[in-house]
C-alpha atoms as a PDB file:
ATOM      1  CA  UNK A   1      83.332  61.783  10.015  1.00  0.00           C
ATOM      2  CA  UNK A   2      81.761  59.266   7.928  1.00  0.00           C
ATOM      3  CA  UNK A   3      82.986  60.394   4.301  1.00  0.00           C
ATOM      4  CA  UNK A   4      86.334  62.100   5.667  1.00  0.00           C
ATOM      5  CA  UNK A   5      86.832  65.402   3.037  1.00  0.00           C
ATOM      6  CA  UNK A   6      90.308  65.920   2.858  1.00  0.00           C
ATOM      7  CA  UNK A   7      91.949  69.005   1.083  1.00  0.00           C
ATOM      8  CA  UNK A   8      95.386  68.986  -0.255  1.00  0.00           C
ATOM      9  CA  UNK A   9      96.984  71.925  -0.924  1.00  0.00           C
ATOM     10  CA  UNK A  10      99.490  72.087  -3.633  1.00  0.00           C
ATOM     11  CA  UNK A  11      99.646  70.705  -7.044  1.00  0.00           C
ATOM     12  CA  UNK A  12     103.346  70.050  -7.832  1.00  0.00           C
ATOM     13  CA  UNK A  13     104.485  66.454  -7.775  1.00  0.00           C
ATOM     14  CA  UNK A  14     104.105  66.309  -3.661  1.00  0.00           C
ATOM     15  CA  UNK A  15     100.853  67.548  -3.621  1.00  0.00           C
ATOM     16  CA  UNK A  16      99.500  65.007  -6.769  1.00  0.00           C
ATOM     17  CA  UNK A  17     101.034  62.217  -5.745  1.00  0.00           C
ATOM     18  CA  UNK A  18     100.115  62.659  -1.770  1.00  0.00           C
ATOM     19  CA  UNK A  19      96.334  62.821  -3.038  1.00  0.00           C
ATOM     20  CA  UNK A  20      96.797  59.632  -5.467  1.00  0.00           C
ATOM     21  CA  UNK A  21      98.538  57.982  -2.304  1.00  0.00           C
ATOM     22  CA  UNK A  22      95.491  59.076  -0.151  1.00  0.00           C
ATOM     23  CA  UNK A  23      93.245  57.790  -2.487  1.00  0.00           C
ATOM     24  CA  UNK A  24      94.677  54.440  -2.179  1.00  0.00           C
ATOM     25  CA  UNK A  25      95.071  53.904   1.239  1.00  0.00           C
ATOM     26  CA  UNK A  26      92.037  55.917   2.257  1.00  0.00           C
ATOM     27  CA  UNK A  27      89.076  54.537  -0.008  1.00  0.00           C
ATOM     28  CA  UNK A  28      85.537  56.551   0.399  1.00  0.00           C
ATOM     29  CA  UNK A  29      87.339  59.418   1.223  1.00  0.00           C
ATOM     30  CA  UNK A  30      86.544  62.440  -1.043  1.00  0.00           C
ATOM     31  CA  UNK A  31      89.857  64.674  -2.246  1.00  0.00           C
ATOM     32  CA  UNK A  32      90.126  68.066  -3.661  1.00  0.00           C
ATOM     33  CA  UNK A  33      93.807  69.383  -4.547  1.00  0.00           C
ATOM     34  CA  UNK A  34      93.412  72.960  -4.214  1.00  0.00           C
ATOM     35  CA  UNK A  35      96.200  75.301  -5.428  1.00  0.00           C
ATOM     36  CA  UNK A  36      96.987  78.688  -7.512  1.00  0.00           C
ATOM     37  CA  UNK A  37      98.698  77.050  -9.936  1.00  0.00           C
ATOM     38  CA  UNK A  38      98.778  73.302 -11.804  1.00  0.00           C
ATOM     39  CA  UNK A  39     100.813  72.195 -14.419  1.00  0.00           C
ATOM     40  CA  UNK A  40     103.009  73.672 -17.056  1.00  0.00           C
ATOM     41  CA  UNK A  41     103.103  76.481 -14.232  1.00  0.00           C
ATOM     42  CA  UNK A  42     104.639  74.725 -10.981  1.00  0.00           C
ATOM     43  CA  UNK A  43     108.110  74.592  -9.608  1.00  0.00           C
ATOM     44  CA  UNK A  44     107.792  70.807 -10.376  1.00  0.00           C
ATOM     45  CA  UNK A  45     107.355  71.434 -14.046  1.00  0.00           C
ATOM     46  CA  UNK A  46     110.838  72.918 -14.119  1.00  0.00           C
ATOM     47  CA  UNK A  47     112.671  70.196 -12.489  1.00  0.00           C
ATOM     48  CA  UNK A  48     114.946  68.095 -14.814  1.00  0.00           C
ATOM     49  CA  UNK A  49     113.290  65.067 -13.032  1.00  0.00           C
ATOM     50  CA  UNK A  50     116.335  62.662 -12.609  1.00  0.00           C
ATOM     51  CA  UNK A  51     116.112  59.985  -9.885  1.00  0.00           C
ATOM     52  CA  UNK A  52     119.435  60.933  -7.852  1.00  0.00           C
ATOM     53  CA  UNK A  53     118.827  62.007  -4.406  1.00  0.00           C
ATOM     54  CA  UNK A  54     119.774  64.693  -2.221  1.00  0.00           C
ATOM     55  CA  UNK A  55     120.966  64.660   1.235  1.00  0.00           C
ATOM     56  CA  UNK A  56     118.707  66.687   3.963  1.00  0.00           C
ATOM     57  CA  UNK A  57     120.818  67.476   7.155  1.00  0.00           C
ATOM     58  CA  UNK A  58     117.685  67.032   9.598  1.00  0.00           C
ATOM     59  CA  UNK A  59     116.116  63.772   7.437  1.00  0.00           C
ATOM     60  CA  UNK A  60     118.047  60.661   8.875  1.00  0.00           C
ATOM     61  CA  UNK A  61     119.658  58.861   5.593  1.00  0.00           C
ATOM     62  CA  UNK A  62     117.463  55.391   6.672  1.00  0.00           C
ATOM     63  CA  UNK A  63     114.402  57.404   6.004  1.00  0.00           C
ATOM     64  CA  UNK A  64     115.511  59.217   2.683  1.00  0.00           C
ATOM     65  CA  UNK A  65     116.847  55.644   1.396  1.00  0.00           C
ATOM     66  CA  UNK A  66     113.350  54.056   2.311  1.00  0.00           C
ATOM     67  CA  UNK A  67     111.638  57.327   0.301  1.00  0.00           C
ATOM     68  CA  UNK A  68     113.988  56.749  -2.499  1.00  0.00           C
ATOM     69  CA  UNK A  69     113.691  52.993  -2.749  1.00  0.00           C
ATOM     70  CA  UNK A  70     109.859  53.347  -2.629  1.00  0.00           C
ATOM     71  CA  UNK A  71     109.800  55.735  -5.281  1.00  0.00           C
ATOM     72  CA  UNK A  72     112.421  54.185  -7.803  1.00  0.00           C
ATOM     73  CA  UNK A  73     110.129  51.016  -7.472  1.00  0.00           C
ATOM     74  CA  UNK A  74     107.044  52.851  -8.222  1.00  0.00           C
ATOM     75  CA  UNK A  75     108.522  54.510 -11.226  1.00  0.00           C
ATOM     76  CA  UNK A  76     110.168  51.664 -12.401  1.00  0.00           C
ATOM     77  CA  UNK A  77     106.988  49.298 -12.630  1.00  0.00           C
ATOM     78  CA  UNK A  78     105.372  52.570 -14.385  1.00  0.00           C
ATOM     79  CA  UNK A  79     108.410  52.115 -16.725  1.00  0.00           C
ATOM     80  CA  UNK A  80     108.099  48.798 -17.460  1.00  0.00           C
ATOM     81  CA  UNK A  81     104.782  49.498 -18.492  1.00  0.00           C
ATOM     82  CA  UNK A  82     102.245  50.276 -21.280  1.00  0.00           C
ATOM     83  CA  UNK A  83     101.896  53.060 -19.114  1.00  0.00           C
ATOM     84  CA  UNK A  84     105.261  54.531 -19.685  1.00  0.00           C
ATOM     85  CA  UNK A  85     105.017  56.862 -22.463  1.00  0.00           C
ATOM     86  CA  UNK A  86     101.672  58.255 -21.257  1.00  0.00           C
ATOM     87  CA  UNK A  87     103.134  58.823 -17.602  1.00  0.00           C
ATOM     88  CA  UNK A  88     106.665  60.215 -19.038  1.00  0.00           C
ATOM     89  CA  UNK A  89     108.853  57.887 -17.186  1.00  0.00           C
ATOM     90  CA  UNK A  90     111.549  55.887 -19.140  1.00  0.00           C
ATOM     91  CA  UNK A  91     115.194  54.569 -18.068  1.00  0.00           C
ATOM     92  CA  UNK A  92     118.464  56.439 -18.841  1.00  0.00           C
ATOM     93  CA  UNK A  93     121.502  55.632 -18.305  1.00  0.00           C
ATOM     94  CA  UNK A  94     125.352  57.843 -17.631  1.00  0.00           C
ATOM     95  CA  UNK A  95     127.806  58.669 -15.634  1.00  0.00           C
ATOM     96  CA  UNK A  96     128.559  61.043 -12.032  1.00  0.00           C
ATOM     97  CA  UNK A  97     131.697  62.565 -12.521  1.00  0.00           C
ATOM     98  CA  UNK A  98     134.125  64.013  -9.824  1.00  0.00           C
ATOM     99  CA  UNK A  99     137.227  66.347 -10.149  1.00  0.00           C
ATOM    100  CA  UNK A 100     138.436  64.524  -6.746  1.00  0.00           C
ATOM    101  CA  UNK A 101     137.778  61.199  -5.559  1.00  0.00           C
ATOM    102  CA  UNK A 102     134.610  61.807  -3.011  1.00  0.00           C
ATOM    103  CA  UNK A 103     134.249  60.875   0.476  1.00  0.00           C
ATOM    104  CA  UNK A 104     131.711  58.467  -0.317  1.00  0.00           C
ATOM    105  CA  UNK A 105     132.816  56.700  -3.415  1.00  0.00           C
ATOM    106  CA  UNK A 106     129.933  54.020  -3.021  1.00  0.00           C
ATOM    107  CA  UNK A 107     126.767  56.660  -2.218  1.00  0.00           C
ATOM    108  CA  UNK A 108     123.534  55.235   0.085  1.00  0.00           C
ATOM    109  CA  UNK A 109     121.356  54.855  -3.028  1.00  0.00           C
ATOM    110  CA  UNK A 110     123.795  52.888  -5.302  1.00  0.00           C
ATOM    111  CA  UNK A 111     122.039  49.546  -4.607  1.00  0.00           C
ATOM    112  CA  UNK A 112     118.781  51.232  -5.815  1.00  0.00           C
ATOM    113  CA  UNK A 113     119.284  52.397  -8.841  1.00  0.00           C
ATOM    114  CA  UNK A 114     120.314  49.652 -11.728  1.00  0.00           C
ATOM    115  CA  UNK A 115     124.196  48.538 -12.330  1.00  0.00           C
ATOM    116  CA  UNK A 116     125.908  51.101 -10.340  1.00  0.00           C
ATOM    117  CA  UNK A 117     129.631  50.663 -10.960  1.00  0.00           C
ATOM    118  CA  UNK A 118     132.802  52.501 -10.500  1.00  0.00           C
ATOM    119  CA  UNK A 119     134.106  53.792 -13.874  1.00  0.00           C
ATOM    120  CA  UNK A 120     136.469  52.733 -15.909  1.00  0.00           C
ATOM    121  CA  UNK A 121     139.833  54.848 -17.163  1.00  0.00           C
ATOM    122  CA  UNK A 122     138.464  54.600 -20.643  1.00  0.00           C
ATOM    123  CA  UNK A 123     135.318  56.162 -20.019  1.00  0.00           C
ATOM    124  CA  UNK A 124     136.807  58.441 -17.855  1.00  0.00           C
ATOM    125  CA  UNK A 125     139.153  59.363 -20.863  1.00  0.00           C
ATOM    126  CA  UNK A 126     136.030  61.545 -22.180  1.00  0.00           C
ATOM    127  CA  UNK A 127     136.266  63.686 -19.015  1.00  0.00           C
ATOM    128  CA  UNK A 128     139.830  64.933 -18.769  1.00  0.00           C
ATOM    129  CA  UNK A 129     139.380  67.226 -15.958  1.00  0.00           C
ATOM    130  CA  UNK A 130     137.713  64.482 -13.430  1.00  0.00           C
ATOM    131  CA  UNK A 131     139.796  62.134 -11.485  1.00  0.00           C
ATOM    132  CA  UNK A 132     136.355  59.609 -10.557  1.00  0.00           C
ATOM    133  CA  UNK A 133     133.210  58.462 -11.923  1.00  0.00           C
ATOM    134  CA  UNK A 134     130.168  56.525 -11.153  1.00  0.00           C
ATOM    135  CA  UNK A 135     128.370  54.973 -13.935  1.00  0.00           C
ATOM    136  CA  UNK A 136     124.410  53.852 -13.080  1.00  0.00           C
ATOM    137  CA  UNK A 137     121.194  53.971 -14.654  1.00  0.00           C
ATOM    138  CA  UNK A 138     118.158  55.341 -13.198  1.00  0.00           C
ATOM    139  CA  UNK A 139     114.997  56.701 -14.201  1.00  0.00           C
ATOM    140  CA  UNK A 140     113.987  59.928 -15.185  1.00  0.00           C
ATOM    141  CA  UNK A 141     109.968  61.629 -15.183  1.00  0.00           C
ATOM    142  CA  UNK A 142     109.381  64.076 -18.044  1.00  0.00           C
ATOM    143  CA  UNK A 143     107.855  66.505 -15.450  1.00  0.00           C
ATOM    144  CA  UNK A 144     105.005  68.202 -17.001  1.00  0.00           C
ATOM    145  CA  UNK A 145     103.736  64.995 -18.591  1.00  0.00           C
ATOM    146  CA  UNK A 146     103.622  63.074 -15.175  1.00  0.00           C
ATOM    147  CA  UNK A 147     101.729  65.808 -13.473  1.00  0.00           C
ATOM    148  CA  UNK A 148      99.257  65.174 -16.002  1.00  0.00           C
ATOM    149  CA  UNK A 149      99.330  61.686 -15.578  1.00  0.00           C
ATOM    150  CA  UNK A 150      98.971  62.181 -11.799  1.00  0.00           C
ATOM    151  CA  UNK A 151      96.236  64.908 -12.305  1.00  0.00           C
ATOM    152  CA  UNK A 152      94.353  61.851 -14.266  1.00  0.00           C
ATOM    153  CA  UNK A 153      94.719  59.350 -11.928  1.00  0.00           C
ATOM    154  CA  UNK A 154      93.013  61.684  -8.874  1.00  0.00           C
ATOM    155  CA  UNK A 155      90.239  62.296 -11.395  1.00  0.00           C
ATOM    156  CA  UNK A 156      89.433  59.036 -12.231  1.00  0.00           C
ATOM    157  CA  UNK A 157      89.340  58.328  -8.337  1.00  0.00           C
ATOM    158  CA  UNK A 158      86.574  60.851  -8.061  1.00  0.00           C
ATOM    159  CA  UNK A 159      89.252  63.590  -6.621  1.00  0.00           C
ATOM    160  CA  UNK A 160      88.482  67.376  -7.717  1.00  0.00           C
ATOM    161  CA  UNK A 161      91.160  70.124  -8.841  1.00  0.00           C
ATOM    162  CA  UNK A 162      90.231  73.309  -7.559  1.00  0.00           C
ATOM    163  CA  UNK A 163      92.137  76.593  -8.633  1.00  0.00           C
ATOM    164  CA  UNK A 164      92.324  79.030  -5.661  1.00  0.00           C
ATOM    165  CA  UNK A 165      94.753  80.646  -3.928  1.00  0.00           C
ATOM    166  CA  UNK A 166      94.627  80.518  -0.173  1.00  0.00           C
ATOM    167  CA  UNK A 167      95.872  83.353   2.528  1.00  0.00           C
ATOM    168  CA  UNK A 168      95.226  80.662   5.149  1.00  0.00           C
ATOM    169  CA  UNK A 169      94.355  77.065   6.154  1.00  0.00           C
ATOM    170  CA  UNK A 170      91.449  77.986   7.953  1.00  0.00           C
ATOM    171  CA  UNK A 171      89.874  79.352   5.247  1.00  0.00           C
ATOM    172  CA  UNK A 172      89.331  75.362   4.258  1.00  0.00           C
ATOM    173  CA  UNK A 173      87.437  75.082   7.582  1.00  0.00           C
ATOM    174  CA  UNK A 174      84.252  73.477   7.793  1.00  0.00           C
ATOM    175  CA  UNK A 175      84.302  72.553   4.377  1.00  0.00           C
ATOM    176  CA  UNK A 176      87.260  69.903   5.192  1.00  0.00           C
ATOM    177  CA  UNK A 177      87.998  67.240   7.702  1.00  0.00           C
ATOM    178  CA  UNK A 178      91.646  67.635   7.241  1.00  0.00           C
ATOM    179  CA  UNK A 179      94.116  69.679   5.136  1.00  0.00           C
ATOM    180  CA  UNK A 180      97.399  68.342   3.576  1.00  0.00           C
ATOM    181  CA  UNK A 181      99.598  71.199   3.172  1.00  0.00           C
ATOM    182  CA  UNK A 182     102.254  70.367   0.048  1.00  0.00           C
ATOM    183  CA  UNK A 183     102.584  73.952  -0.595  1.00  0.00           C
ATOM    184  CA  UNK A 184     106.594  74.285  -0.691  1.00  0.00           C
ATOM    185  CA  UNK A 185     108.101  77.766  -0.502  1.00  0.00           C
ATOM    186  CA  UNK A 186     104.044  78.817   0.452  1.00  0.00           C
ATOM    187  CA  UNK A 187     104.380  77.288   3.800  1.00  0.00           C
ATOM    188  CA  UNK A 188     105.821  80.189   4.415  1.00  0.00           C
ATOM    189  CA  UNK A 189     102.757  82.040   4.808  1.00  0.00           C
ATOM    190  CA  UNK A 190     100.376  79.438   5.241  1.00  0.00           C
ATOM    191  CA  UNK A 191     102.359  77.889   7.721  1.00  0.00           C
ATOM    192  CA  UNK A 192     104.353  80.339   9.445  1.00  0.00           C
ATOM    193  CA  UNK A 193     107.468  78.631   8.709  1.00  0.00           C
ATOM    194  CA  UNK A 194     110.558  80.960   8.450  1.00  0.00           C
ATOM    195  CA  UNK A 195     112.837  77.999   7.900  1.00  0.00           C
ATOM    196  CA  UNK A 196     112.035  77.309   4.097  1.00  0.00           C
ATOM    197  CA  UNK A 197     113.349  79.653   1.662  1.00  0.00           C
ATOM    198  CA  UNK A 198     114.026  79.651  -2.158  1.00  0.00           C
ATOM    199  CA  UNK A 199     116.901  78.295  -3.708  1.00  0.00           C
ATOM    200  CA  UNK A 200     116.578  79.625  -7.676  1.00  0.00           C
ATOM    201  CA  UNK A 201     117.648  76.983 -10.209  1.00  0.00           C
ATOM    202  CA  UNK A 202     117.722  78.036 -13.811  1.00  0.00           C
ATOM    203  CA  UNK A 203     117.963  75.419 -16.749  1.00  0.00           C
ATOM    204  CA  UNK A 204     118.150  75.173 -20.350  1.00  0.00           C
ATOM    205  CA  UNK A 205     116.422  73.110 -22.753  1.00  0.00           C
ATOM    206  CA  UNK A 206     118.141  72.195 -25.801  1.00  0.00           C
ATOM    207  CA  UNK A 207     117.593  70.131 -29.189  1.00  0.00           C
ATOM    208  CA  UNK A 208     120.367  67.723 -29.125  1.00  0.00           C
ATOM    209  CA  UNK A 209     118.742  64.133 -29.823  1.00  0.00           C
ATOM    210  CA  UNK A 210     122.564  62.739 -30.459  1.00  0.00           C
ATOM    211  CA  UNK A 211     122.724  62.856 -26.632  1.00  0.00           C
ATOM    212  CA  UNK A 212     122.140  59.798 -24.835  1.00  0.00           C
ATOM    213  CA  UNK A 213     123.874  59.189 -21.970  1.00  0.00           C
ATOM    214  CA  UNK A 214     123.385  61.754 -18.840  1.00  0.00           C
ATOM    215  CA  UNK A 215     126.419  63.482 -17.428  1.00  0.00           C
ATOM    216  CA  UNK A 216     126.498  65.053 -14.128  1.00  0.00           C
ATOM    217  CA  UNK A 217     129.218  67.021 -11.981  1.00  0.00           C
ATOM    218  CA  UNK A 218     129.696  65.559  -8.674  1.00  0.00           C
ATOM    219  CA  UNK A 219     129.002  69.106  -7.367  1.00  0.00           C
ATOM    220  CA  UNK A 220     125.516  68.884  -8.717  1.00  0.00           C
ATOM    221  CA  UNK A 221     125.812  72.551 -10.347  1.00  0.00           C
ATOM    222  CA  UNK A 222     126.496  71.026 -13.814  1.00  0.00           C
ATOM    223  CA  UNK A 223     124.529  68.898 -15.547  1.00  0.00           C
ATOM    224  CA  UNK A 224     123.020  67.066 -18.958  1.00  0.00           C
ATOM    225  CA  UNK A 225     120.120  65.121 -18.824  1.00  0.00           C
ATOM    226  CA  UNK A 226     118.692  63.809 -22.494  1.00  0.00           C
ATOM    227  CA  UNK A 227     115.091  63.426 -21.963  1.00  0.00           C
ATOM    228  CA  UNK A 228     112.128  62.031 -24.296  1.00  0.00           C
ATOM    229  CA  UNK A 229     111.568  65.798 -25.652  1.00  0.00           C
ATOM    230  CA  UNK A 230     114.493  67.519 -25.213  1.00  0.00           C
ATOM    231  CA  UNK A 231     117.804  67.564 -23.427  1.00  0.00           C
ATOM    232  CA  UNK A 232     117.959  69.606 -20.044  1.00  0.00           C
ATOM    233  CA  UNK A 233     121.403  71.291 -19.043  1.00  0.00           C
ATOM    234  CA  UNK A 234     121.676  72.885 -15.874  1.00  0.00           C
ATOM    235  CA  UNK A 235     122.271  74.763 -13.930  1.00  0.00           C
ATOM    236  CA  UNK A 236     122.507  77.084 -10.627  1.00  0.00           C
ATOM    237  CA  UNK A 237     121.977  76.946  -6.900  1.00  0.00           C
ATOM    238  CA  UNK A 238     121.318  80.437  -5.531  1.00  0.00           C
ATOM    239  CA  UNK A 239     120.109  80.560  -2.160  1.00  0.00           C
ATOM    240  CA  UNK A 240     117.691  83.365  -1.093  1.00  0.00           C
ATOM    241  CA  UNK A 241     116.818  84.285  -4.614  1.00  0.00           C
ATOM    242  CA  UNK A 242     113.277  84.941  -5.500  1.00  0.00           C
ATOM    243  CA  UNK A 243     114.002  86.175  -9.338  1.00  0.00           C
ATOM    244  CA  UNK A 244     111.970  84.144 -11.488  1.00  0.00           C
ATOM    245  CA  UNK A 245     112.970  85.897 -14.662  1.00  0.00           C
ATOM    246  CA  UNK A 246     115.818  83.820 -16.637  1.00  0.00           C
ATOM    247  CA  UNK A 247     119.010  85.591 -16.651  1.00  0.00           C
ATOM    248  CA  UNK A 248     120.962  85.759 -20.084  1.00  0.00           C
ATOM    249  CA  UNK A 249     124.476  85.683 -18.568  1.00  0.00           C
ATOM    250  CA  UNK A 250     123.536  82.771 -16.832  1.00  0.00           C
ATOM    251  CA  UNK A 251     122.457  80.727 -19.463  1.00  0.00           C
ATOM    252  CA  UNK A 252     125.456  81.466 -21.218  1.00  0.00           C
ATOM    253  CA  UNK A 253     127.503  80.217 -18.351  1.00  0.00           C
ATOM    254  CA  UNK A 254     125.032  77.221 -18.156  1.00  0.00           C
ATOM    255  CA  UNK A 255     125.544  76.412 -21.900  1.00  0.00           C
ATOM    256  CA  UNK A 256     129.404  76.860 -21.499  1.00  0.00           C
ATOM    257  CA  UNK A 257     129.707  74.877 -18.925  1.00  0.00           C
ATOM    258  CA  UNK A 258     128.070  71.840 -20.382  1.00  0.00           C
ATOM    259  CA  UNK A 259     130.082  72.211 -23.779  1.00  0.00           C
ATOM    260  CA  UNK A 260     132.950  71.346 -21.514  1.00  0.00           C
ATOM    261  CA  UNK A 261     131.756  67.844 -20.620  1.00  0.00           C
ATOM    262  CA  UNK A 262     129.798  67.325 -23.544  1.00  0.00           C
ATOM    263  CA  UNK A 263     131.620  69.106 -26.855  1.00  0.00           C
ATOM    264  CA  UNK A 264     128.957  67.852 -29.277  1.00  0.00           C
ATOM    265  CA  UNK A 265     126.244  70.562 -27.525  1.00  0.00           C
ATOM    266  CA  UNK A 266     128.028  73.559 -29.512  1.00  0.00           C
ATOM    267  CA  UNK A 267     125.886  72.262 -32.061  1.00  0.00           C
ATOM    268  CA  UNK A 268     122.613  72.123 -30.157  1.00  0.00           C
ATOM    269  CA  UNK A 269     119.800  74.512 -30.527  1.00  0.00           C
ATOM    270  CA  UNK A 270     118.439  76.149 -27.318  1.00  0.00           C
ATOM    271  CA  UNK A 271     114.668  76.067 -27.504  1.00  0.00           C
ATOM    272  CA  UNK A 272     113.901  77.490 -23.678  1.00  0.00           C
ATOM    273  CA  UNK A 273     115.022  78.938 -20.537  1.00  0.00           C
ATOM    274  CA  UNK A 274     113.103  77.944 -17.308  1.00  0.00           C
ATOM    275  CA  UNK A 275     113.611  79.038 -13.691  1.00  0.00           C
ATOM    276  CA  UNK A 276     112.077  77.484 -10.503  1.00  0.00           C
ATOM    277  CA  UNK A 277     112.682  78.340  -7.113  1.00  0.00           C
ATOM    278  CA  UNK A 278     113.518  75.203  -4.829  1.00  0.00           C
ATOM    279  CA  UNK A 279     111.524  75.081  -1.586  1.00  0.00           C
ATOM    280  CA  UNK A 280     115.031  74.262   0.697  1.00  0.00           C
ATOM    281  CA  UNK A 281     114.540  73.882   4.640  1.00  0.00           C
ATOM    282  CA  UNK A 282     117.003  71.816   7.032  1.00  0.00           C
ATOM    283  CA  UNK A 283     114.776  68.657   6.793  1.00  0.00           C
ATOM    284  CA  UNK A 284     111.431  67.369   4.633  1.00  0.00           C
ATOM    285  CA  UNK A 285     108.923  68.377   6.674  1.00  0.00           C
ATOM    286  CA  UNK A 286     106.369  65.317   7.731  1.00  0.00           C
ATOM    287  CA  UNK A 287     104.237  65.631  10.264  1.00  0.00           C
ATOM    288  CA  UNK A 288     100.625  66.304  11.765  1.00  0.00           C
ATOM    289  CA  UNK A 289      99.541  69.055  13.866  1.00  0.00           C
ATOM    290  CA  UNK A 290      96.105  70.364  15.071  1.00  0.00           C
ATOM    291  CA  UNK A 291      95.580  73.622  14.777  1.00  0.00           C
ATOM    292  CA  UNK A 292      93.410  75.366  17.309  1.00  0.00           C
ATOM    293  CA  UNK A 293      91.376  78.738  17.128  1.00  0.00           C
ATOM    294  CA  UNK A 294      88.171  79.977  18.632  1.00  0.00           C
ATOM    295  CA  UNK A 295      87.283  77.141  20.186  1.00  0.00           C
ATOM    296  CA  UNK A 296      87.365  74.795  16.498  1.00  0.00           C
ATOM    297  CA  UNK A 297      90.140  72.331  15.341  1.00  0.00           C
ATOM    298  CA  UNK A 298      91.367  71.707  12.091  1.00  0.00           C
ATOM    299  CA  UNK A 299      93.932  68.793  11.697  1.00  0.00           C
ATOM    300  CA  UNK A 300      96.654  69.189   9.284  1.00  0.00           C
ATOM    301  CA  UNK A 301      99.670  66.577   7.807  1.00  0.00           C
ATOM    302  CA  UNK A 302     102.257  68.605   6.592  1.00  0.00           C
ATOM    303  CA  UNK A 303     104.592  67.628   3.594  1.00  0.00           C
ATOM    304  CA  UNK A 304     107.027  69.967   1.959  1.00  0.00           C
ATOM    305  CA  UNK A 305     110.566  71.300   2.100  1.00  0.00           C
ATOM    306  CA  UNK A 306     111.990  68.816  -0.284  1.00  0.00           C
ATOM    307  CA  UNK A 307     114.418  70.987  -2.244  1.00  0.00           C
ATOM    308  CA  UNK A 308     115.906  70.176  -5.273  1.00  0.00           C
ATOM    309  CA  UNK A 309     115.193  66.169  -4.786  1.00  0.00           C
ATOM    310  CA  UNK A 310     111.354  65.908  -4.715  1.00  0.00           C
ATOM    311  CA  UNK A 311     111.550  63.852  -7.881  1.00  0.00           C
ATOM    312  CA  UNK A 312     113.599  61.768  -6.323  1.00  0.00           C
ATOM    313  CA  UNK A 313     111.580  60.720  -3.403  1.00  0.00           C
ATOM    314  CA  UNK A 314     107.994  61.759  -3.658  1.00  0.00           C
ATOM    315  CA  UNK A 315     106.343  58.268  -3.948  1.00  0.00           C
ATOM    316  CA  UNK A 316     107.671  57.153  -0.571  1.00  0.00           C
ATOM    317  CA  UNK A 317     106.973  60.302   1.038  1.00  0.00           C
ATOM    318  CA  UNK A 318     103.619  61.002  -0.042  1.00  0.00           C
ATOM    319  CA  UNK A 319     103.300  57.032   1.290  1.00  0.00           C
ATOM    320  CA  UNK A 320     104.013  58.258   4.793  1.00  0.00           C
ATOM    321  CA  UNK A 321     101.748  61.387   4.334  1.00  0.00           C
ATOM    322  CA  UNK A 322      98.865  59.292   3.313  1.00  0.00           C
ATOM    323  CA  UNK A 323      99.566  57.136   6.416  1.00  0.00           C
ATOM    324  CA  UNK A 324      99.428  60.062   8.494  1.00  0.00           C
ATOM    325  CA  UNK A 325      96.040  61.101   6.945  1.00  0.00           C
ATOM    326  CA  UNK A 326      94.694  57.599   7.526  1.00  0.00           C
ATOM    327  CA  UNK A 327      95.686  58.130  11.146  1.00  0.00           C
ATOM    328  CA  UNK A 328      94.177  61.410  11.263  1.00  0.00           C
ATOM    329  CA  UNK A 329      90.572  59.672  10.209  1.00  0.00           C
ATOM    330  CA  UNK A 330      91.046  57.053  12.898  1.00  0.00           C
ATOM    331  CA  UNK A 331      91.408  59.459  15.486  1.00  0.00           C
ATOM    332  CA  UNK A 332      88.639  62.003  14.707  1.00  0.00           C
ATOM    333  CA  UNK A 333      86.010  58.954  13.907  1.00  0.00           C
ATOM    334  CA  UNK A 334      86.956  56.948  17.368  1.00  0.00           C
ATOM    335  CA  UNK A 335      84.362  58.899  20.060  1.00  0.00           C
ATOM    336  CA  UNK A 336      86.175  60.854  22.909  1.00  0.00           C
ATOM    337  CA  UNK A 337      85.830  59.089  26.022  1.00  0.00           C
ATOM    338  CA  UNK A 338      83.177  60.644  28.283  1.00  0.00           C
ATOM    339  CA  UNK A 339      83.884  60.545  31.844  1.00  0.00           C
ATOM    340  CA  UNK A 340      81.142  58.791  34.433  1.00  0.00           C
ATOM    341  CA  UNK A 341      79.705  61.012  37.193  1.00  0.00           C
END
């Protein structure tokens, strides 16, 4: 395997960031990103793009924190550079508020974000239904802009983007030496993973340029995230729902909930309703697998199942996925020992 031919399947934030990380860690390989959908038509394009990590039952907290730290450091460097506008990455400050005091007043990620502190009584007066809050500065990705920026990085490093729908990963053999599966919900079919399922999320985009601070209810169900072009209002968490059409009643409910937190939003103009299906499983799947069929073998690195927390940890987990790809390449470059008679 002189020049490793690598196919990354999936073009959301997980697939594209994995392709970029592979190009950095494994110089000289050829990378092709294959997907039936690219930005602006991916699930990642619907994501609000805020860096506030989510917990997965089967992913250890120390692993999650490492991924979040790596992702925060990566995006913070971009936000502080001349590339910030082109990449769609910027800092945003605000509040996470709770109706009752949470079990963990200081979350595991508190020392990763900037300026984390308990909200003052004066700040909490803005939210009379809430009794506790956290103030901090984090990062936000304008996801469609960021995905386009990642695509540009891939092309600049010699990678290819190919629009194609796959029914089976074996379709990529023998054209590719290693396959990286970043298909999210597509892994139900492509990897036979019945543990992954959709959690429907609906959001609104509104014009409200006077809203400068994010507001997030501690449950994660109601949030107001100001961005470079619009303010995102959310949301929903509908398990097992595959419906991609916006629901007018849900939109009214989201708008009403957000207006309770920020009454000035009554003046906001709704410009768009968006729906995405989060790929949720008990833990992120990040592992190697050697597929075998009829005497042929196909090394696969699985990297999917980030649910609603993909943006928050994408770079950290992508770097780990790239290391697994590098291990696969080393394994296949090492000649198998032959027995001596």
